[in-house]
Every structure is written in structure tokens, then in C-alpha cells.
């Protein structure tokens, strides 16, 4: 299993893997050893849009004025505090992600995570100007009990994302022709 690095600031931003994949566990340990943070989510808490906003706001310490909509989620993912990232980076791990394959909002949710992570992992703003902070590693990992690469890739495939598959994983990132 190669083709992604959750400890660095390069795409892909969202990775779908079998539960407890050894390479993912190694990379998460490396991220934590560098001072980064791993935040865990139960897929059962993410089955509705409201649930996503509630779980992300609580776990990632979003400000009280968080708007609880997709655009606000992208903005907050791009502006996480040092306590959430360790000043180094963070990985959000979603357990039992199989449940989300039936959720209508799942493809949009993946796109939103890619949008937020794409901005956080960059040291320049949307206009290409340097930001007042360094790039911070931000990735999301969906762990599946029944890992079916083709079904996962088919479910999350959409025009604004590039979906790739490798040995034991599926990955998503923004399509630069659509976003940059």
C-alpha cells in the first residue's frame, strides 16, 4: 500500500482503506510522533448533515459562530487551531465507514473534506498569495470493515474530484482543472 502520505502536505486529501490497515497505522503513529494529532469519528455520528456538523464542531473545536453548513465546514477546516493540529497537522479517521456508503450526502461530504484539506495543505491563499501561516498537513481516512475498492470509487466519483485506486486503498483529491 503506497501512494499517499498523511504526515505531509501533498494530495490525496481523503483516503479509503480497510480497517486497521498497517500502513495507515504506521503513518498515523508517525504523524503523532512529529507532534500532529489524530481525531476519530464514528460513522454513525456522520449519517446526516446535521450529525457531521455537530461531530466536526465538537471534535475539531470549531468556534461558536460556526455556521453549520458545507461552506462553513470548508472554512473551519482551513483554520484549525494549534491545539487541534499540534501546529504540525491532523488526520481525521472515520471508523466503520461502510455505513456512509448509503448516505446520500457522502460524495458531497468527501468533496467538502477535499476542499478544506486542499486549502490547509497549501501555504498560499486562493489567489496564490503567501499565507501568514505555513502549510499544515490535513488528511481524512475512512476505514471500512468490508473494503470494496470499486464500490467505494464508484460512490465518491464526481466531476470535481480525481479518484485513484492503489494496492489496498482508494484516494480522493480536488481536480485542479475544476478548482485551481
Protein backbone atom coordinates (compact mmCIF):
# COMPACT_ATOMS: atom_id res chain seq x y z
CA UNK A 1 0.00 0.00 0.00
CA UNK A 2 1.65 3.20 -1.21
CA UNK A 3 0.50 6.34 -2.94
CA UNK A 4 -0.44 8.58 -0.02
CA UNK A 5 1.23 10.24 2.96
CA UNK A 6 -0.98 11.53 5.77
CA UNK A 7 2.06 13.04 7.51
CA UNK A 8 2.80 15.54 4.73
CA UNK A 9 1.13 18.31 2.78
CA UNK A 10 0.63 16.51 -0.53
CA UNK A 11 -2.55 15.08 -2.03
CA UNK A 12 -4.56 12.93 -1.85
CA UNK A 13 -6.62 14.50 0.92
CA UNK A 14 -9.10 11.68 1.57
CA UNK A 15 -8.13 8.02 1.70
CA UNK A 16 -10.43 4.99 1.94
CA UNK A 17 -8.81 1.85 3.39
CA UNK A 18 -9.59 -1.44 5.10
CA UNK A 19 -9.95 -1.18 8.88
CA UNK A 20 -6.63 -1.06 10.74
CA UNK A 21 -4.52 -1.11 7.56
CA UNK A 22 -0.90 -1.43 8.76
CA UNK A 23 0.47 1.34 6.52
CA UNK A 24 -2.19 3.76 7.75
CA UNK A 25 -1.47 2.87 11.37
CA UNK A 26 2.26 3.45 10.74
CA UNK A 27 1.61 6.85 9.15
CA UNK A 28 -0.74 7.91 11.95
CA UNK A 29 1.92 6.97 14.52
CA UNK A 30 4.49 8.97 12.56
CA UNK A 31 2.17 11.99 12.45
CA UNK A 32 1.69 11.83 16.22
CA UNK A 33 5.43 11.39 16.79
CA UNK A 34 6.02 14.63 14.85
CA UNK A 35 3.53 16.41 17.16
CA UNK A 36 0.45 16.12 14.93
CA UNK A 37 -2.96 14.97 16.10
CA UNK A 38 -5.29 12.12 15.16
CA UNK A 39 -9.01 12.76 15.66
CA UNK A 40 -11.51 9.91 15.48
CA UNK A 41 -15.10 9.92 14.29
CA UNK A 42 -17.76 7.21 14.37
CA UNK A 43 -19.52 6.90 11.02
CA UNK A 44 -22.80 6.50 12.89
CA UNK A 45 -22.42 10.14 14.02
CA UNK A 46 -21.98 11.29 10.40
CA UNK A 47 -25.10 9.77 8.84
CA UNK A 48 -26.82 13.15 8.49
CA UNK A 49 -25.51 16.57 7.53
CA UNK A 50 -26.52 17.82 10.97
CA UNK A 51 -24.57 14.97 12.56
CA UNK A 52 -21.47 15.84 10.53
CA UNK A 53 -21.58 19.47 11.63
CA UNK A 54 -22.15 18.53 15.27
CA UNK A 55 -19.36 15.90 15.34
CA UNK A 56 -16.81 18.05 13.50
CA UNK A 57 -17.57 21.14 15.58
CA UNK A 58 -17.15 19.20 18.82
CA UNK A 59 -14.13 17.10 17.87
CA UNK A 60 -12.19 19.78 15.98
CA UNK A 61 -13.13 22.61 18.36
CA UNK A 62 -14.82 24.87 15.83
CA UNK A 63 -15.68 28.36 17.09
CA UNK A 64 -19.13 29.09 18.49
CA UNK A 65 -20.07 31.10 15.40
CA UNK A 66 -19.57 28.05 13.11
CA UNK A 67 -22.37 28.26 10.53
CA UNK A 68 -23.10 24.51 10.34
CA UNK A 69 -23.17 24.38 6.53
CA UNK A 70 -20.80 22.98 3.91
CA UNK A 71 -19.06 26.30 3.16
CA UNK A 72 -18.52 26.95 6.86
CA UNK A 73 -17.08 23.45 7.24
CA UNK A 74 -14.53 24.16 4.49
CA UNK A 75 -13.62 27.47 6.16
CA UNK A 76 -13.19 25.92 9.61
CA UNK A 77 -11.13 23.01 8.24
CA UNK A 78 -8.83 25.62 6.72
CA UNK A 79 -8.46 27.47 10.01
CA UNK A 80 -7.90 24.83 12.69
CA UNK A 81 -6.16 25.93 15.88
CA UNK A 82 -2.81 24.61 17.05
CA UNK A 83 -4.46 22.53 19.76
CA UNK A 84 -6.22 20.54 17.03
CA UNK A 85 -3.20 20.23 14.71
CA UNK A 86 -0.29 20.41 17.13
CA UNK A 87 0.97 23.07 14.72
CA UNK A 88 2.06 20.16 12.53
CA UNK A 89 -1.02 18.50 11.12
CA UNK A 90 -4.01 16.35 11.77
CA UNK A 91 -5.74 13.29 10.43
CA UNK A 92 -9.43 12.66 10.87
CA UNK A 93 -10.17 8.94 10.99
CA UNK A 94 -13.73 7.74 10.36
CA UNK A 95 -14.42 4.26 11.75
CA UNK A 96 -16.98 1.86 10.27
CA UNK A 97 -17.22 3.98 7.13
CA UNK A 98 -19.26 1.23 5.43
CA UNK A 99 -22.34 2.89 6.93
CA UNK A 100 -21.72 6.07 4.93
CA UNK A 101 -21.93 4.34 1.55
CA UNK A 102 -25.72 4.50 1.84
CA UNK A 103 -25.82 8.18 2.83
CA UNK A 104 -26.97 10.49 0.05
CA UNK A 105 -24.61 13.25 1.21
CA UNK A 106 -21.48 11.03 1.25
CA UNK A 107 -20.00 12.16 -2.13
CA UNK A 108 -20.54 15.84 -1.25
CA UNK A 109 -19.03 15.26 2.20
CA UNK A 110 -15.89 13.81 0.58
CA UNK A 111 -15.66 16.80 -1.77
CA UNK A 112 -16.01 19.23 1.15
CA UNK A 113 -13.25 17.43 3.08
CA UNK A 114 -11.02 17.65 0.00
CA UNK A 115 -11.75 21.38 -0.33
CA UNK A 116 -10.85 22.11 3.28
CA UNK A 117 -7.74 19.93 3.23
CA UNK A 118 -6.58 21.36 -0.10
CA UNK A 119 -6.61 24.85 1.42
CA UNK A 120 -4.97 23.81 4.70
CA UNK A 121 -2.20 21.86 2.98
CA UNK A 122 -1.21 24.95 1.00
CA UNK A 123 0.96 27.87 2.06
CA UNK A 124 -0.80 30.21 -0.40
CA UNK A 125 -4.34 31.56 -0.42
CA UNK A 126 -6.92 31.03 -3.17
CA UNK A 127 -5.43 33.95 -5.14
CA UNK A 128 -1.91 32.49 -4.94
CA UNK A 129 -0.57 34.91 -2.33
CA UNK A 130 1.52 33.62 0.61
CA UNK A 131 -0.48 33.00 3.76
CA UNK A 132 0.51 34.18 7.22
CA UNK A 133 0.96 30.56 8.31
CA UNK A 134 2.86 27.56 6.97
CA UNK A 135 1.05 24.71 5.25
CA UNK A 136 -0.36 22.23 7.76
CA UNK A 137 -0.91 18.56 6.96
CA UNK A 138 -4.62 17.69 6.98
CA UNK A 139 -6.00 14.37 5.75
CA UNK A 140 -9.07 12.24 6.27
CA UNK A 141 -9.11 8.46 6.41
CA UNK A 142 -12.24 6.35 6.07
CA UNK A 143 -11.80 2.83 7.47
CA UNK A 144 -14.05 0.10 6.07
CA UNK A 145 -14.84 -3.29 7.58
CA UNK A 146 -15.86 -4.65 4.15
CA UNK A 147 -13.45 -2.88 1.81
CA UNK A 148 -14.69 -2.93 -1.80
CA UNK A 149 -12.43 -0.66 -3.86
CA UNK A 150 -14.68 -0.50 -6.88
CA UNK A 151 -17.87 0.25 -4.92
CA UNK A 152 -16.14 2.98 -2.91
CA UNK A 153 -14.58 4.58 -6.00
CA UNK A 154 -17.93 4.50 -7.79
CA UNK A 155 -19.76 6.05 -4.83
CA UNK A 156 -17.40 9.03 -4.39
CA UNK A 157 -16.63 9.67 -8.08
CA UNK A 158 -17.79 13.13 -9.16
CA UNK A 159 -16.67 15.82 -11.62
CA UNK A 160 -14.66 17.93 -9.15
CA UNK A 161 -12.56 15.08 -7.76
CA UNK A 162 -9.77 12.88 -9.01
CA UNK A 163 -10.29 9.35 -7.69
CA UNK A 164 -7.38 6.92 -7.76
CA UNK A 165 -7.03 3.35 -6.57
CA UNK A 166 -3.89 1.61 -5.42
CA UNK A 167 -2.92 -1.54 -3.62
CA UNK A 168 -5.49 -1.64 -0.81
CA UNK A 169 -6.76 1.93 -0.96
CA UNK A 170 -8.88 4.45 -2.84
CA UNK A 171 -7.94 8.13 -2.70
CA UNK A 172 -9.65 11.42 -3.50
CA UNK A 173 -8.30 14.89 -4.23
CA UNK A 174 -9.60 18.01 -5.94
CA UNK A 175 -9.36 18.14 -9.72
CA UNK A 176 -7.11 21.17 -10.36
CA UNK A 177 -8.89 21.85 -13.66
CA UNK A 178 -12.09 22.41 -11.66
CA UNK A 179 -10.66 24.13 -8.57
CA UNK A 180 -7.41 25.95 -9.34
